[in-house]
Amino acid sequence: MARVGNSIIKGIEVKEVIKILNRAYADEWLAYYQYFVEAKVVKGIMKDAAIAELNQHATDELRHANMVADRILQLGGTPLLHPKEWFKKSNCSYEAPKDFDVVEILNDAIKGEQCAIKTYSDILELTHNKDIVTYDIVSQILADEVEHEEDLQALHDDVTEFITDLKKSLK
């Protein structure tokens, strides 16, 4: 554990930061798996575009998990060691896809990103002016999560518009 590095944390307990980061770590692993699975099972119009987007997001979520784990270790903590803990500690949980239609998969993914945005916004608020290193890491992740939501929503809108236009042309 970095003694001088941790001494810059003011107004918040290091154990509390580790606890909230472990919850975010659980979220990232579950988000990674969600995107991985969704990319495998998605069906329907423009599924190839959805697969590309979901695979990219899975890669980003795994990178986020690494960033969060590294910070937990810097603080002297231990990242959650067992996947069972991810389900218990997660802020956003995991919902197995029930409908493999591209629109439904995108809806589920958007909900996940919205939860991540809220989670990281809360962590930013908690660490602001208290733990600048965690704040910086979480700011980077939050920027990615906002971009993910935008990308998924744009793709969702494109798919639904295409379906609407196709239905009109068949009348």
Protein backbone atom coordinates (compact mmCIF):
# COMPACT_ATOMS: atom_id res chain seq x y z
CA MET A 1 0.00 0.00 0.00
CA ALA A 2 1.31 3.45 -0.89
CA ARG A 3 1.69 5.32 2.38
CA VAL A 4 2.36 8.79 1.00
CA GLY A 5 -0.07 8.24 -1.89
CA ASN A 6 -2.83 7.32 0.55
CA SER A 7 -2.01 10.28 2.78
CA ILE A 8 -3.50 12.62 0.17
CA ILE A 9 -6.95 11.13 0.79
CA LYS A 10 -8.82 13.56 3.04
CA GLY A 11 -12.31 13.45 4.50
CA ILE A 12 -13.11 9.87 3.52
CA GLU A 13 -11.95 6.55 4.92
CA VAL A 14 -9.72 4.48 2.63
CA LYS A 15 -11.78 1.41 3.60
CA GLU A 16 -14.92 3.17 2.34
CA VAL A 17 -13.25 3.96 -1.00
CA ILE A 18 -12.17 0.32 -1.33
CA LYS A 19 -15.72 -0.82 -0.56
CA ILE A 20 -17.33 1.38 -3.23
CA LEU A 21 -14.64 0.50 -5.74
CA ASN A 22 -15.22 -3.21 -5.15
CA ARG A 23 -18.91 -2.66 -5.92
CA ALA A 24 -17.92 -0.89 -9.15
CA TYR A 25 -15.47 -3.71 -9.88
CA ALA A 26 -18.34 -6.21 -9.59
CA ASP A 27 -20.42 -4.04 -11.94
CA GLU A 28 -17.65 -3.97 -14.54
CA TRP A 29 -17.22 -7.74 -14.58
CA LEU A 30 -20.97 -8.29 -14.87
CA ALA A 31 -21.21 -5.64 -17.61
CA TYR A 32 -18.35 -7.34 -19.46
CA TYR A 33 -20.16 -10.66 -19.30
CA GLN A 34 -23.49 -9.11 -20.28
CA TYR A 35 -21.99 -7.57 -23.41
CA PHE A 36 -20.08 -10.75 -24.23
CA VAL A 37 -23.23 -12.89 -23.99
CA GLU A 38 -25.44 -10.37 -25.78
CA ALA A 39 -23.00 -10.24 -28.71
CA LYS A 40 -23.28 -14.01 -29.01
CA VAL A 41 -27.06 -14.32 -28.88
CA VAL A 42 -28.37 -11.13 -30.54
CA LYS A 43 -30.64 -11.65 -33.56
CA GLY A 44 -32.44 -9.49 -36.03
CA ILE A 45 -32.01 -6.57 -38.37
CA MET A 46 -28.61 -4.84 -38.17
CA LYS A 47 -27.34 -7.46 -35.71
CA ASP A 48 -23.80 -7.16 -37.12
CA ALA A 49 -23.65 -3.49 -36.11
CA ALA A 50 -24.96 -4.44 -32.66
CA ILE A 51 -22.39 -7.24 -32.33
CA ALA A 52 -19.55 -4.85 -33.18
CA GLU A 53 -20.80 -2.31 -30.64
CA LEU A 54 -21.36 -4.91 -27.90
CA ASN A 55 -17.91 -6.44 -28.43
CA GLN A 56 -16.27 -3.01 -28.21
CA HIS A 57 -18.15 -2.24 -25.02
CA ALA A 58 -17.15 -5.62 -23.53
CA THR A 59 -13.51 -4.73 -24.17
CA ASP A 60 -14.00 -1.35 -22.49
CA GLU A 61 -15.71 -2.88 -19.45
CA LEU A 62 -12.82 -5.30 -18.98
CA ARG A 63 -10.40 -2.35 -19.18
CA HIS A 64 -12.51 -0.54 -16.55
CA ALA A 65 -12.36 -3.60 -14.28
CA ASN A 66 -8.57 -3.50 -14.56
CA MET A 67 -8.45 0.21 -13.74
CA VAL A 68 -10.67 -0.25 -10.69
CA ALA A 69 -8.75 -3.33 -9.50
CA ASP A 70 -5.45 -1.46 -9.80
CA ARG A 71 -6.81 1.39 -7.67
CA ILE A 72 -8.14 -1.02 -5.04
CA LEU A 73 -4.68 -2.57 -4.82
CA GLN A 74 -3.01 0.87 -4.60
CA LEU A 75 -5.24 1.62 -1.63
CA GLY A 76 -4.17 -1.59 0.11
CA GLY A 77 -7.36 -3.49 -0.60
CA THR A 78 -8.13 -6.68 -2.46
CA PRO A 79 -10.46 -6.83 -5.44
CA LEU A 80 -13.37 -9.24 -5.03
CA LEU A 81 -11.87 -12.67 -5.57
CA HIS A 82 -14.89 -14.78 -6.41
CA PRO A 83 -17.56 -14.22 -9.09
CA LYS A 84 -20.30 -15.08 -6.58
CA GLU A 85 -19.33 -11.87 -4.78
CA TRP A 86 -20.01 -9.85 -7.94
CA PHE A 87 -23.70 -10.65 -7.71
CA LYS A 88 -23.86 -9.81 -4.00
CA LYS A 89 -21.94 -6.53 -4.22
CA SER A 90 -23.00 -5.19 -7.62
CA ASN A 91 -24.81 -1.87 -7.90
CA CYS A 92 -26.27 -2.69 -11.30
CA SER A 93 -26.64 -6.48 -11.13
CA TYR A 94 -26.92 -8.74 -14.14
CA GLU A 95 -29.99 -9.70 -16.09
CA ALA A 96 -29.60 -12.61 -18.48
CA PRO A 97 -31.04 -11.75 -21.87
CA LYS A 98 -34.55 -13.14 -22.25
CA ASP A 99 -35.35 -11.80 -25.72
CA PHE A 100 -32.51 -11.96 -28.23
CA ASP A 101 -34.06 -9.41 -30.59
CA VAL A 102 -31.58 -6.63 -31.34
CA VAL A 103 -33.93 -3.91 -30.07
CA GLU A 104 -34.45 -5.70 -26.72
CA ILE A 105 -30.74 -6.42 -26.36
CA LEU A 106 -29.98 -2.75 -26.96
CA ASN A 107 -32.66 -1.71 -24.45
CA ASP A 108 -31.05 -3.93 -21.80
CA ALA A 109 -27.59 -2.60 -22.61
CA ILE A 110 -28.79 1.01 -22.39
CA LYS A 111 -30.29 0.33 -18.95
CA GLY A 112 -26.96 -1.10 -17.83
CA GLU A 113 -25.09 1.98 -19.00
CA GLN A 114 -27.56 4.27 -17.27
CA CYS A 115 -26.95 2.41 -14.01
CA ALA A 116 -23.19 2.67 -14.52
CA ILE A 117 -23.49 6.42 -15.15
CA LYS A 118 -25.40 6.84 -11.89
CA THR A 119 -22.94 4.67 -9.96
CA TYR A 120 -19.88 6.53 -11.21
CA SER A 121 -21.56 9.91 -10.75
CA ASP A 122 -22.18 8.97 -7.11
CA ILE A 123 -18.55 7.90 -6.67
CA LEU A 124 -17.38 11.19 -8.19
CA GLU A 125 -19.52 13.11 -5.73
CA LEU A 126 -18.18 11.06 -2.83
CA THR A 127 -14.50 11.42 -3.80
CA HIS A 128 -14.56 15.03 -5.04
CA ASN A 129 -11.87 17.03 -3.22
CA LYS A 130 -11.20 13.97 -1.03
CA ASP A 131 -9.43 11.40 -3.22
CA ILE A 132 -8.15 12.97 -6.42
CA VAL A 133 -6.65 9.75 -7.81
CA THR A 134 -9.87 7.76 -7.51
CA TYR A 135 -11.78 10.81 -8.75
CA ASP A 136 -9.58 10.95 -11.87
CA ILE A 137 -9.92 7.23 -12.62
CA VAL A 138 -13.69 7.32 -12.12
CA SER A 139 -13.96 10.44 -14.31
CA GLN A 140 -12.29 8.55 -17.16
CA ILE A 141 -14.59 5.57 -16.73
CA LEU A 142 -17.67 7.78 -16.49
CA ALA A 143 -16.76 9.46 -19.78
CA ASP A 144 -16.65 6.02 -21.42
CA GLU A 145 -19.99 5.01 -19.90
CA VAL A 146 -21.66 8.18 -21.19
CA GLU A 147 -20.23 7.50 -24.63
CA HIS A 148 -21.48 3.90 -24.44
CA GLU A 149 -25.00 5.05 -23.65
CA GLU A 150 -24.90 7.51 -26.55
CA ASP A 151 -23.58 4.87 -28.98
CA LEU A 152 -26.16 2.30 -27.91
CA GLN A 153 -29.03 4.80 -28.05
CA ALA A 154 -27.99 5.95 -31.53
CA LEU A 155 -27.84 2.36 -32.75
CA HIS A 156 -31.19 1.62 -31.10
CA ASP A 157 -32.73 4.65 -32.80
CA ASP A 158 -31.27 3.62 -36.18
CA VAL A 159 -32.62 0.08 -35.86
CA THR A 160 -36.09 1.16 -34.77
CA GLU A 161 -36.25 3.81 -37.51
CA PHE A 162 -35.21 1.22 -40.09
CA ILE A 163 -37.89 -1.19 -38.86
CA THR A 164 -40.54 1.56 -38.94
CA ASP A 165 -39.54 2.59 -42.46
CA LEU A 166 -39.54 -1.04 -43.60
CA LYS A 167 -43.03 -1.60 -42.21
CA LYS A 168 -44.27 1.54 -44.00
CA SER A 169 -42.78 0.42 -47.30
CA LEU A 170 -44.49 -2.98 -47.01
CA LYS A 171 -47.95 -1.43 -46.66
